[in-house]
Amino acid sequence: MNAQPKTLMTQPNPPPVPVMTMPRELDRAWPEWARRSNPIVRRQLGIYWKLMPPDFWLLGRYVGYQLILLVLSIALPFLLTVFMPAATVSLVVLPVAFVLHVQSLFRIGSMTSMSVLDEVRNDSLDLLRLCPRPLHHIMYSKAAAGVWRNVENISMVMFAAALTTLPLLVILFDNWVGTNEQPVLSRIAISAALVISVVRIPLECALMAAFGVLVGTTVRLRGAAIMTTALLGVGYIAAINLIRIPPWPTEIRLLVELVPPLVLPLLLIPLCFWLAVRQIEHGK
């Protein structure tokens, strides 16, 4: 009996397994060093790159509606009473938002300082410097990664400040300036304070990341780095709030309330990065 020739059963190639990869371009509105698609940021984020950034458009709309009401209240003072029922909500939400903000600041500072410290201790920072990027952009990316890891908490704090701060601001500036005695000045001050109360949140997060970068390039012990970064953050928060305690005259009171939370981070952030880059380039 002749053996039947065996036929090779050729199986079609299985379909390729889909692999989840990060899109090449994320966060196009941001500078290249701050995007999640940046290789340095992506390397530090790892699996945590799928984060929801703040909806700045929606946030701006909420703030803009309140600013419009403040402008209309100059001619119609009774509109200020629209905000007053929300004062009790503010007393409940804002303390929780403050605790969440402080927690986010601590995590940003500790993560960033640990990231930079590990690069220095493992001698891998020199490898990063081989990338076709300036050294200060590398430091920016390390700080941006620390902020990205906590961006969802930051977003919640920003929306809490945008939606619940105004009633307390009306009460405070009514005591300091007088909403009836100086309607225009008080509305301008309240509007500026409302915008600053939202803007200062990402600024303080960026400042803590800058503190972490600076400490990571100067301190060689992990525990000391975390403690030093936390102390710098506590010192900044204490300085911002202690200058508000004295009974300042009206003009100085407005400057104390509005200028330091906006100006100090803008001065300290570039200073910290400049010192960090200088420390890396010249060494100890």
C-alpha atoms as a PDB file:
ATOM      1  CA  MET A   1       0.000   0.000   0.000  1.00  0.00           C
ATOM      2  CA  ASN A   2       1.528   3.227  -1.072  1.00  0.00           C
ATOM      3  CA  ALA A   3       1.887   5.839   1.645  1.00  0.00           C
ATOM      4  CA  GLN A   4       0.004   8.967   0.975  1.00  0.00           C
ATOM      5  CA  PRO A   5       2.277  12.008   0.793  1.00  0.00           C
ATOM      6  CA  LYS A   6       1.919  14.237   3.758  1.00  0.00           C
ATOM      7  CA  THR A   7       0.820  17.714   3.017  1.00  0.00           C
ATOM      8  CA  LEU A   8       2.093  20.552   5.044  1.00  0.00           C
ATOM      9  CA  MET A   9      -0.719  22.516   6.524  1.00  0.00           C
ATOM     10  CA  THR A  10       0.431  26.083   6.377  1.00  0.00           C
ATOM     11  CA  GLN A  11      -1.202  28.258   8.964  1.00  0.00           C
ATOM     12  CA  PRO A  12      -1.704  31.911   8.156  1.00  0.00           C
ATOM     13  CA  ASN A  13       0.434  34.254  10.161  1.00  0.00           C
ATOM     14  CA  PRO A  14      -1.377  35.309  13.330  1.00  0.00           C
ATOM     15  CA  PRO A  15      -2.355  38.936  13.500  1.00  0.00           C
ATOM     16  CA  PRO A  16       0.160  41.058  15.353  1.00  0.00           C
ATOM     17  CA  VAL A  17      -0.566  41.679  18.992  1.00  0.00           C
ATOM     18  CA  PRO A  18      -1.457  45.329  19.472  1.00  0.00           C
ATOM     19  CA  VAL A  19       1.062  47.144  21.593  1.00  0.00           C
ATOM     20  CA  MET A  20       0.058  50.227  23.504  1.00  0.00           C
ATOM     21  CA  THR A  21       2.553  52.898  22.723  1.00  0.00           C
ATOM     22  CA  MET A  22       2.594  56.563  23.531  1.00  0.00           C
ATOM     23  CA  PRO A  23       1.663  58.847  20.663  1.00  0.00           C
ATOM     24  CA  ARG A  24       4.614  60.761  19.302  1.00  0.00           C
ATOM     25  CA  GLU A  25       3.142  64.134  19.992  1.00  0.00           C
ATOM     26  CA  LEU A  26       1.379  64.907  23.254  1.00  0.00           C
ATOM     27  CA  ASP A  27       0.656  68.264  24.854  1.00  0.00           C
ATOM     28  CA  ARG A  28       1.553  70.235  21.739  1.00  0.00           C
ATOM     29  CA  ALA A  29       0.607  73.486  23.432  1.00  0.00           C
ATOM     30  CA  TRP A  30       3.481  72.997  25.893  1.00  0.00           C
ATOM     31  CA  PRO A  31       7.194  73.504  25.298  1.00  0.00           C
ATOM     32  CA  GLU A  32       8.989  70.393  24.061  1.00  0.00           C
ATOM     33  CA  TRP A  33      10.783  69.793  27.360  1.00  0.00           C
ATOM     34  CA  ALA A  34       7.450  69.764  29.255  1.00  0.00           C
ATOM     35  CA  ARG A  35       5.559  67.295  27.066  1.00  0.00           C
ATOM     36  CA  ARG A  36       4.815  63.765  28.148  1.00  0.00           C
ATOM     37  CA  SER A  37       6.203  62.605  24.811  1.00  0.00           C
ATOM     38  CA  ASN A  38       9.585  64.071  25.727  1.00  0.00           C
ATOM     39  CA  PRO A  39      11.900  61.069  26.229  1.00  0.00           C
ATOM     40  CA  ILE A  40      13.198  62.294  29.585  1.00  0.00           C
ATOM     41  CA  VAL A  41       9.708  62.963  30.907  1.00  0.00           C
ATOM     42  CA  ARG A  42       8.421  59.699  29.444  1.00  0.00           C
ATOM     43  CA  ARG A  43      11.291  57.732  30.992  1.00  0.00           C
ATOM     44  CA  GLN A  44      10.535  59.097  34.442  1.00  0.00           C
ATOM     45  CA  LEU A  45       6.756  58.741  34.191  1.00  0.00           C
ATOM     46  CA  GLY A  46       6.861  55.152  32.981  1.00  0.00           C
ATOM     47  CA  ILE A  47       3.377  53.646  33.035  1.00  0.00           C
ATOM     48  CA  TYR A  48       1.952  56.794  34.621  1.00  0.00           C
ATOM     49  CA  TRP A  49       1.978  58.842  31.431  1.00  0.00           C
ATOM     50  CA  LYS A  50      -1.793  58.412  30.915  1.00  0.00           C
ATOM     51  CA  LEU A  51      -2.819  61.354  33.042  1.00  0.00           C
ATOM     52  CA  MET A  52      -5.593  63.850  32.507  1.00  0.00           C
ATOM     53  CA  PRO A  53      -4.201  67.390  32.247  1.00  0.00           C
ATOM     54  CA  PRO A  54      -6.259  70.298  33.573  1.00  0.00           C
ATOM     55  CA  ASP A  55      -8.959  71.667  31.309  1.00  0.00           C
ATOM     56  CA  PHE A  56      -7.688  75.230  31.241  1.00  0.00           C
ATOM     57  CA  TRP A  57     -10.421  76.298  28.840  1.00  0.00           C
ATOM     58  CA  LEU A  58     -13.166  75.227  31.238  1.00  0.00           C
ATOM     59  CA  LEU A  59     -11.248  76.663  34.181  1.00  0.00           C
ATOM     60  CA  GLY A  60     -10.928  80.015  32.423  1.00  0.00           C
ATOM     61  CA  ARG A  61     -14.638  80.043  31.649  1.00  0.00           C
ATOM     62  CA  TYR A  62     -15.557  79.531  35.296  1.00  0.00           C
ATOM     63  CA  VAL A  63     -13.236  82.325  36.372  1.00  0.00           C
ATOM     64  CA  GLY A  64     -14.407  84.578  33.525  1.00  0.00           C
ATOM     65  CA  TYR A  65     -18.075  84.246  34.494  1.00  0.00           C
ATOM     66  CA  GLN A  66     -17.266  85.343  38.030  1.00  0.00           C
ATOM     67  CA  LEU A  67     -15.209  88.278  36.780  1.00  0.00           C
ATOM     68  CA  ILE A  68     -18.150  89.414  34.660  1.00  0.00           C
ATOM     69  CA  LEU A  69     -20.418  89.304  37.706  1.00  0.00           C
ATOM     70  CA  LEU A  70     -17.894  91.333  39.664  1.00  0.00           C
ATOM     71  CA  VAL A  71     -17.811  94.001  36.957  1.00  0.00           C
ATOM     72  CA  LEU A  72     -21.609  94.113  36.804  1.00  0.00           C
ATOM     73  CA  SER A  73     -21.766  94.399  40.593  1.00  0.00           C
ATOM     74  CA  ILE A  74     -20.188  97.854  40.379  1.00  0.00           C
ATOM     75  CA  ALA A  75     -23.480  99.148  38.967  1.00  0.00           C
ATOM     76  CA  LEU A  76     -25.613  96.470  40.661  1.00  0.00           C
ATOM     77  CA  PRO A  77     -24.137  95.936  44.152  1.00  0.00           C
ATOM     78  CA  PHE A  78     -26.761  93.358  45.098  1.00  0.00           C
ATOM     79  CA  LEU A  79     -25.058  90.877  42.742  1.00  0.00           C
ATOM     80  CA  LEU A  80     -22.396  90.332  45.396  1.00  0.00           C
ATOM     81  CA  THR A  81     -25.004  88.626  47.511  1.00  0.00           C
ATOM     82  CA  VAL A  82     -25.220  85.929  44.832  1.00  0.00           C
ATOM     83  CA  PHE A  83     -21.890  84.574  46.059  1.00  0.00           C
ATOM     84  CA  MET A  84     -22.639  84.640  49.770  1.00  0.00           C
ATOM     85  CA  PRO A  85     -24.567  81.339  50.093  1.00  0.00           C
ATOM     86  CA  ALA A  86     -21.474  79.586  48.763  1.00  0.00           C
ATOM     87  CA  ALA A  87     -19.364  80.874  51.674  1.00  0.00           C
ATOM     88  CA  THR A  88     -20.252  77.853  53.798  1.00  0.00           C
ATOM     89  CA  VAL A  89     -19.212  75.585  50.931  1.00  0.00           C
ATOM     90  CA  SER A  90     -15.909  77.447  50.737  1.00  0.00           C
ATOM     91  CA  LEU A  91     -15.243  76.832  54.428  1.00  0.00           C
ATOM     92  CA  VAL A  92     -15.627  73.107  53.824  1.00  0.00           C
ATOM     93  CA  VAL A  93     -13.946  72.707  50.424  1.00  0.00           C
ATOM     94  CA  LEU A  94     -10.963  75.035  50.740  1.00  0.00           C
ATOM     95  CA  PRO A  95      -9.374  73.361  53.809  1.00  0.00           C
ATOM     96  CA  VAL A  96      -9.591  70.003  52.047  1.00  0.00           C
ATOM     97  CA  ALA A  97      -8.132  71.547  48.891  1.00  0.00           C
ATOM     98  CA  PHE A  98      -5.326  73.115  50.933  1.00  0.00           C
ATOM     99  CA  VAL A  99      -4.390  69.742  52.464  1.00  0.00           C
ATOM    100  CA  LEU A 100      -4.427  68.152  49.003  1.00  0.00           C
ATOM    101  CA  HIS A 101      -2.297  70.995  47.668  1.00  0.00           C
ATOM    102  CA  VAL A 102       0.282  70.626  50.436  1.00  0.00           C
ATOM    103  CA  GLN A 103       0.383  66.876  49.852  1.00  0.00           C
ATOM    104  CA  SER A 104       0.924  67.440  46.132  1.00  0.00           C
ATOM    105  CA  LEU A 105       3.707  69.930  46.816  1.00  0.00           C
ATOM    106  CA  PHE A 106       5.493  67.478  49.096  1.00  0.00           C
ATOM    107  CA  ARG A 107       5.187  64.657  46.575  1.00  0.00           C
ATOM    108  CA  ILE A 108       6.388  66.841  43.709  1.00  0.00           C
ATOM    109  CA  GLY A 109       9.411  68.017  45.678  1.00  0.00           C
ATOM    110  CA  SER A 110      10.366  64.575  46.965  1.00  0.00           C
ATOM    111  CA  MET A 111       9.879  62.831  43.585  1.00  0.00           C
ATOM    112  CA  THR A 112      11.889  65.440  41.727  1.00  0.00           C
ATOM    113  CA  SER A 113      14.737  65.532  44.238  1.00  0.00           C
ATOM    114  CA  MET A 114      14.918  61.711  44.256  1.00  0.00           C
ATOM    115  CA  SER A 115      14.913  61.585  40.468  1.00  0.00           C
ATOM    116  CA  VAL A 116      17.765  64.070  40.088  1.00  0.00           C
ATOM    117  CA  LEU A 117      19.677  62.575  43.026  1.00  0.00           C
ATOM    118  CA  ASP A 118      19.496  59.084  41.530  1.00  0.00           C
ATOM    119  CA  GLU A 119      20.801  60.393  38.215  1.00  0.00           C
ATOM    120  CA  VAL A 120      23.739  62.049  39.967  1.00  0.00           C
ATOM    121  CA  ARG A 121      24.552  59.083  42.209  1.00  0.00           C
ATOM    122  CA  ASN A 122      24.316  56.551  39.380  1.00  0.00           C
ATOM    123  CA  ASP A 123      26.418  58.713  37.060  1.00  0.00           C
ATOM    124  CA  SER A 124      23.615  58.554  34.506  1.00  0.00           C
ATOM    125  CA  LEU A 125      23.247  62.310  34.312  1.00  0.00           C
ATOM    126  CA  ASP A 126      26.257  62.432  31.992  1.00  0.00           C
ATOM    127  CA  LEU A 127      24.422  60.068  29.657  1.00  0.00           C
ATOM    128  CA  LEU A 128      21.420  62.391  29.627  1.00  0.00           C
ATOM    129  CA  ARG A 129      23.737  65.233  28.745  1.00  0.00           C
ATOM    130  CA  LEU A 130      24.625  63.384  25.556  1.00  0.00           C
ATOM    131  CA  CYS A 131      21.089  64.069  24.353  1.00  0.00           C
ATOM    132  CA  PRO A 132      20.859  66.951  21.870  1.00  0.00           C
ATOM    133  CA  ARG A 133      19.281  69.152  24.503  1.00  0.00           C
ATOM    134  CA  PRO A 134      20.650  71.948  26.676  1.00  0.00           C
ATOM    135  CA  LEU A 135      21.358  71.008  30.274  1.00  0.00           C
ATOM    136  CA  HIS A 136      18.758  73.406  31.608  1.00  0.00           C
ATOM    137  CA  HIS A 137      16.129  71.767  29.378  1.00  0.00           C
ATOM    138  CA  ILE A 138      17.051  68.401  30.888  1.00  0.00           C
ATOM    139  CA  MET A 139      16.497  69.853  34.350  1.00  0.00           C
ATOM    140  CA  TYR A 140      13.204  71.370  33.197  1.00  0.00           C
ATOM    141  CA  SER A 141      12.081  67.939  31.970  1.00  0.00           C
ATOM    142  CA  LYS A 142      12.980  66.306  35.294  1.00  0.00           C
ATOM    143  CA  ALA A 143      10.882  68.921  37.083  1.00  0.00           C
ATOM    144  CA  ALA A 144       8.040  68.597  34.571  1.00  0.00           C
ATOM    145  CA  ALA A 145       7.867  64.843  35.153  1.00  0.00           C
ATOM    146  CA  GLY A 146       7.437  65.407  38.891  1.00  0.00           C
ATOM    147  CA  VAL A 147       4.577  67.808  38.230  1.00  0.00           C
ATOM    148  CA  TRP A 148       2.947  65.464  35.701  1.00  0.00           C
ATOM    149  CA  ARG A 149       2.838  62.636  38.261  1.00  0.00           C
ATOM    150  CA  ASN A 150       0.576  64.811  40.430  1.00  0.00           C
ATOM    151  CA  VAL A 151      -1.277  66.746  37.738  1.00  0.00           C
ATOM    152  CA  GLU A 152      -4.700  65.261  38.498  1.00  0.00           C
ATOM    153  CA  ASN A 153      -4.557  66.390  42.142  1.00  0.00           C
ATOM    154  CA  ILE A 154      -3.319  69.775  40.982  1.00  0.00           C
ATOM    155  CA  SER A 155      -6.281  70.016  38.625  1.00  0.00           C
ATOM    156  CA  MET A 156      -8.750  69.301  41.445  1.00  0.00           C
ATOM    157  CA  VAL A 157      -7.158  71.960  43.647  1.00  0.00           C
ATOM    158  CA  MET A 158      -7.295  74.523  40.840  1.00  0.00           C
ATOM    159  CA  PHE A 159     -10.984  73.890  40.185  1.00  0.00           C
ATOM    160  CA  ALA A 160     -11.721  74.032  43.914  1.00  0.00           C
ATOM    161  CA  ALA A 161      -9.985  77.403  44.141  1.00  0.00           C
ATOM    162  CA  ALA A 162     -11.731  78.730  41.029  1.00  0.00           C
ATOM    163  CA  LEU A 163     -15.210  77.706  42.167  1.00  0.00           C
ATOM    164  CA  THR A 164     -15.172  78.355  45.921  1.00  0.00           C
ATOM    165  CA  THR A 165     -12.663  81.143  46.645  1.00  0.00           C
ATOM    166  CA  LEU A 166     -14.710  84.159  45.557  1.00  0.00           C
ATOM    167  CA  PRO A 167     -17.153  84.364  48.536  1.00  0.00           C
ATOM    168  CA  LEU A 168     -14.289  84.483  51.022  1.00  0.00           C
ATOM    169  CA  LEU A 169     -12.442  87.042  48.921  1.00  0.00           C
ATOM    170  CA  VAL A 170     -15.518  89.293  48.911  1.00  0.00           C
ATOM    171  CA  ILE A 171     -15.714  89.085  52.711  1.00  0.00           C
ATOM    172  CA  LEU A 172     -12.001  89.731  53.221  1.00  0.00           C
ATOM    173  CA  PHE A 173     -11.691  92.644  50.830  1.00  0.00           C
ATOM    174  CA  ASP A 174     -14.876  94.165  52.166  1.00  0.00           C
ATOM    175  CA  ASN A 175     -13.131  94.373  55.536  1.00  0.00           C
ATOM    176  CA  TRP A 176      -9.865  95.650  54.104  1.00  0.00           C
ATOM    177  CA  VAL A 177     -11.062  98.013  51.350  1.00  0.00           C
ATOM    178  CA  GLY A 178     -14.826  98.315  51.577  1.00  0.00           C
ATOM    179  CA  THR A 179     -16.958  97.136  48.679  1.00  0.00           C
ATOM    180  CA  ASN A 180     -19.413 100.026  49.155  1.00  0.00           C
ATOM    181  CA  GLU A 181     -16.896 102.779  49.956  1.00  0.00           C
ATOM    182  CA  GLN A 182     -14.545 101.951  47.070  1.00  0.00           C
ATOM    183  CA  PRO A 183     -16.547  99.844  44.611  1.00  0.00           C
ATOM    184  CA  VAL A 184     -14.097 100.024  41.701  1.00  0.00           C
ATOM    185  CA  LEU A 185     -10.901  99.426  43.691  1.00  0.00           C
ATOM    186  CA  SER A 186     -12.448  96.599  45.671  1.00  0.00           C
ATOM    187  CA  ARG A 187     -13.672  94.832  42.526  1.00  0.00           C
ATOM    188  CA  ILE A 188     -10.288  95.182  40.873  1.00  0.00           C
ATOM    189  CA  ALA A 189      -8.588  93.770  43.959  1.00  0.00           C
ATOM    190  CA  ILE A 190     -11.079  90.893  44.269  1.00  0.00           C
ATOM    191  CA  SER A 191     -10.713  90.048  40.579  1.00  0.00           C
ATOM    192  CA  ALA A 192      -6.916  90.057  40.808  1.00  0.00           C
ATOM    193  CA  ALA A 193      -7.018  87.945  43.964  1.00  0.00           C
ATOM    194  CA  LEU A 194      -9.341  85.420  42.307  1.00  0.00           C
ATOM    195  CA  VAL A 195      -7.061  85.007  39.290  1.00  0.00           C
ATOM    196  CA  ILE A 196      -3.955  84.806  41.472  1.00  0.00           C
ATOM    197  CA  SER A 197      -5.556  82.208  43.770  1.00  0.00           C
ATOM    198  CA  VAL A 198      -5.819  79.900  40.747  1.00  0.00           C
ATOM    199  CA  VAL A 199      -2.548  80.803  39.011  1.00  0.00           C
ATOM    200  CA  ARG A 200      -0.463  80.449  42.162  1.00  0.00           C
ATOM    201  CA  ILE A 201      -1.261  76.717  42.419  1.00  0.00           C
ATOM    202  CA  PRO A 202       0.707  75.591  39.323  1.00  0.00           C
ATOM    203  CA  LEU A 203       3.357  78.200  40.098  1.00  0.00           C
ATOM    204  CA  GLU A 204       3.918  76.753  43.567  1.00  0.00           C
ATOM    205  CA  CYS A 205       4.023  73.247  42.119  1.00  0.00           C
ATOM    206  CA  ALA A 206       6.679  74.369  39.636  1.00  0.00           C
ATOM    207  CA  LEU A 207       8.565  76.038  42.495  1.00  0.00           C
ATOM    208  CA  MET A 208       8.589  72.817  44.530  1.00  0.00           C
ATOM    209  CA  ALA A 209       9.864  70.946  41.483  1.00  0.00           C
ATOM    210  CA  ALA A 210      12.616  73.566  41.133  1.00  0.00           C
ATOM    211  CA  PHE A 211      13.483  73.120  44.813  1.00  0.00           C
ATOM    212  CA  GLY A 212      13.700  69.371  44.198  1.00  0.00           C
ATOM    213  CA  VAL A 213      16.019  69.821  41.214  1.00  0.00           C
ATOM    214  CA  LEU A 214      18.304  72.115  43.195  1.00  0.00           C
ATOM    215  CA  VAL A 215      18.413  69.827  46.236  1.00  0.00           C
ATOM    216  CA  GLY A 216      18.948  66.750  44.057  1.00  0.00           C
ATOM    217  CA  THR A 217      22.110  68.272  42.597  1.00  0.00           C
ATOM    218  CA  THR A 218      23.568  69.298  45.968  1.00  0.00           C
ATOM    219  CA  VAL A 219      22.554  66.641  48.534  1.00  0.00           C
ATOM    220  CA  ARG A 220      23.770  63.045  48.311  1.00  0.00           C
ATOM    221  CA  LEU A 221      21.533  61.314  50.889  1.00  0.00           C
ATOM    222  CA  ARG A 222      17.956  60.420  50.026  1.00  0.00           C
ATOM    223  CA  GLY A 223      16.477  61.206  53.436  1.00  0.00           C
ATOM    224  CA  ALA A 224      18.339  64.491  53.645  1.00  0.00           C
ATOM    225  CA  ALA A 225      17.195  65.436  50.157  1.00  0.00           C
ATOM    226  CA  ILE A 226      13.534  64.835  50.977  1.00  0.00           C
ATOM    227  CA  MET A 227      13.825  66.715  54.274  1.00  0.00           C
ATOM    228  CA  THR A 228      15.660  69.667  52.722  1.00  0.00           C
ATOM    229  CA  THR A 229      13.124  69.992  49.916  1.00  0.00           C
ATOM    230  CA  ALA A 230      10.250  69.828  52.398  1.00  0.00           C
ATOM    231  CA  LEU A 231      11.869  72.492  54.596  1.00  0.00           C
ATOM    232  CA  LEU A 232      12.298  74.798  51.624  1.00  0.00           C
ATOM    233  CA  GLY A 233       8.619  74.373  50.793  1.00  0.00           C
ATOM    234  CA  VAL A 234       7.571  74.983  54.410  1.00  0.00           C
ATOM    235  CA  GLY A 235       9.772  78.060  54.536  1.00  0.00           C
ATOM    236  CA  TYR A 236       8.187  79.463  51.397  1.00  0.00           C
ATOM    237  CA  ILE A 237       4.609  78.843  52.607  1.00  0.00           C
ATOM    238  CA  ALA A 238       5.456  80.339  56.009  1.00  0.00           C
ATOM    239  CA  ALA A 239       7.008  83.438  54.446  1.00  0.00           C
ATOM    240  CA  ILE A 240       3.995  83.984  52.181  1.00  0.00           C
ATOM    241  CA  ASN A 241       1.551  83.768  55.084  1.00  0.00           C
ATOM    242  CA  LEU A 242       3.513  85.424  57.907  1.00  0.00           C
ATOM    243  CA  ILE A 243       3.754  88.726  56.044  1.00  0.00           C
ATOM    244  CA  ARG A 244      -0.056  88.827  55.986  1.00  0.00           C
ATOM    245  CA  ILE A 245      -0.400  88.857  59.779  1.00  0.00           C
ATOM    246  CA  PRO A 246       0.472  92.506  60.649  1.00  0.00           C
ATOM    247  CA  PRO A 247      -2.377  95.055  60.366  1.00  0.00           C
ATOM    248  CA  TRP A 248      -1.084  96.761  57.242  1.00  0.00           C
ATOM    249  CA  PRO A 249      -2.603  99.931  55.789  1.00  0.00           C
ATOM    250  CA  THR A 250      -4.927  99.396  52.857  1.00  0.00           C
ATOM    251  CA  GLU A 251      -2.370 100.055  50.118  1.00  0.00           C
ATOM    252  CA  ILE A 252       0.280  97.816  51.646  1.00  0.00           C
ATOM    253  CA  ARG A 253      -2.352  95.191  52.426  1.00  0.00           C
ATOM    254  CA  LEU A 254      -3.245  94.957  48.742  1.00  0.00           C
ATOM    255  CA  LEU A 255       0.422  94.607  47.782  1.00  0.00           C
ATOM    256  CA  VAL A 256       1.017  91.933  50.421  1.00  0.00           C
ATOM    257  CA  GLU A 257      -2.006  89.928  49.335  1.00  0.00           C
ATOM    258  CA  LEU A 258      -1.502  90.151  45.583  1.00  0.00           C
ATOM    259  CA  VAL A 259       2.182  90.540  44.745  1.00  0.00           C
ATOM    260  CA  PRO A 260       4.247  87.905  46.682  1.00  0.00           C
ATOM    261  CA  PRO A 261       2.235  84.801  45.651  1.00  0.00           C
ATOM    262  CA  LEU A 262       2.742  85.734  42.011  1.00  0.00           C
ATOM    263  CA  VAL A 263       6.180  87.351  41.972  1.00  0.00           C
ATOM    264  CA  LEU A 264       8.179  85.183  44.385  1.00  0.00           C
ATOM    265  CA  PRO A 265       7.755  81.929  42.414  1.00  0.00           C
ATOM    266  CA  LEU A 266       8.620  83.723  39.178  1.00  0.00           C
ATOM    267  CA  LEU A 267      11.864  84.894  40.807  1.00  0.00           C
ATOM    268  CA  LEU A 268      12.773  81.726  42.692  1.00  0.00           C
ATOM    269  CA  ILE A 269      12.083  79.185  39.935  1.00  0.00           C
ATOM    270  CA  PRO A 270      14.724  80.450  37.456  1.00  0.00           C
ATOM    271  CA  LEU A 271      17.129  81.050  40.354  1.00  0.00           C
ATOM    272  CA  CYS A 272      16.850  77.418  41.486  1.00  0.00           C
ATOM    273  CA  PHE A 273      17.415  76.076  37.992  1.00  0.00           C
ATOM    274  CA  TRP A 274      20.358  78.411  37.449  1.00  0.00           C
ATOM    275  CA  LEU A 275      21.972  77.229  40.687  1.00  0.00           C
ATOM    276  CA  ALA A 276      21.297  73.585  39.817  1.00  0.00           C
ATOM    277  CA  VAL A 277      22.862  73.895  36.356  1.00  0.00           C
ATOM    278  CA  ARG A 278      25.819  75.739  37.830  1.00  0.00           C
ATOM    279  CA  GLN A 279      26.263  73.006  40.442  1.00  0.00           C
ATOM    280  CA  ILE A 280      26.261  70.291  37.771  1.00  0.00           C
ATOM    281  CA  GLU A 281      28.651  72.098  35.449  1.00  0.00           C
ATOM    282  CA  HIS A 282      31.182  73.098  38.119  1.00  0.00           C
ATOM    283  CA  GLY A 283      30.614  70.282  40.616  1.00  0.00           C
ATOM    284  CA  LYS A 284      31.675  70.277  44.243  1.00  0.00           C
END
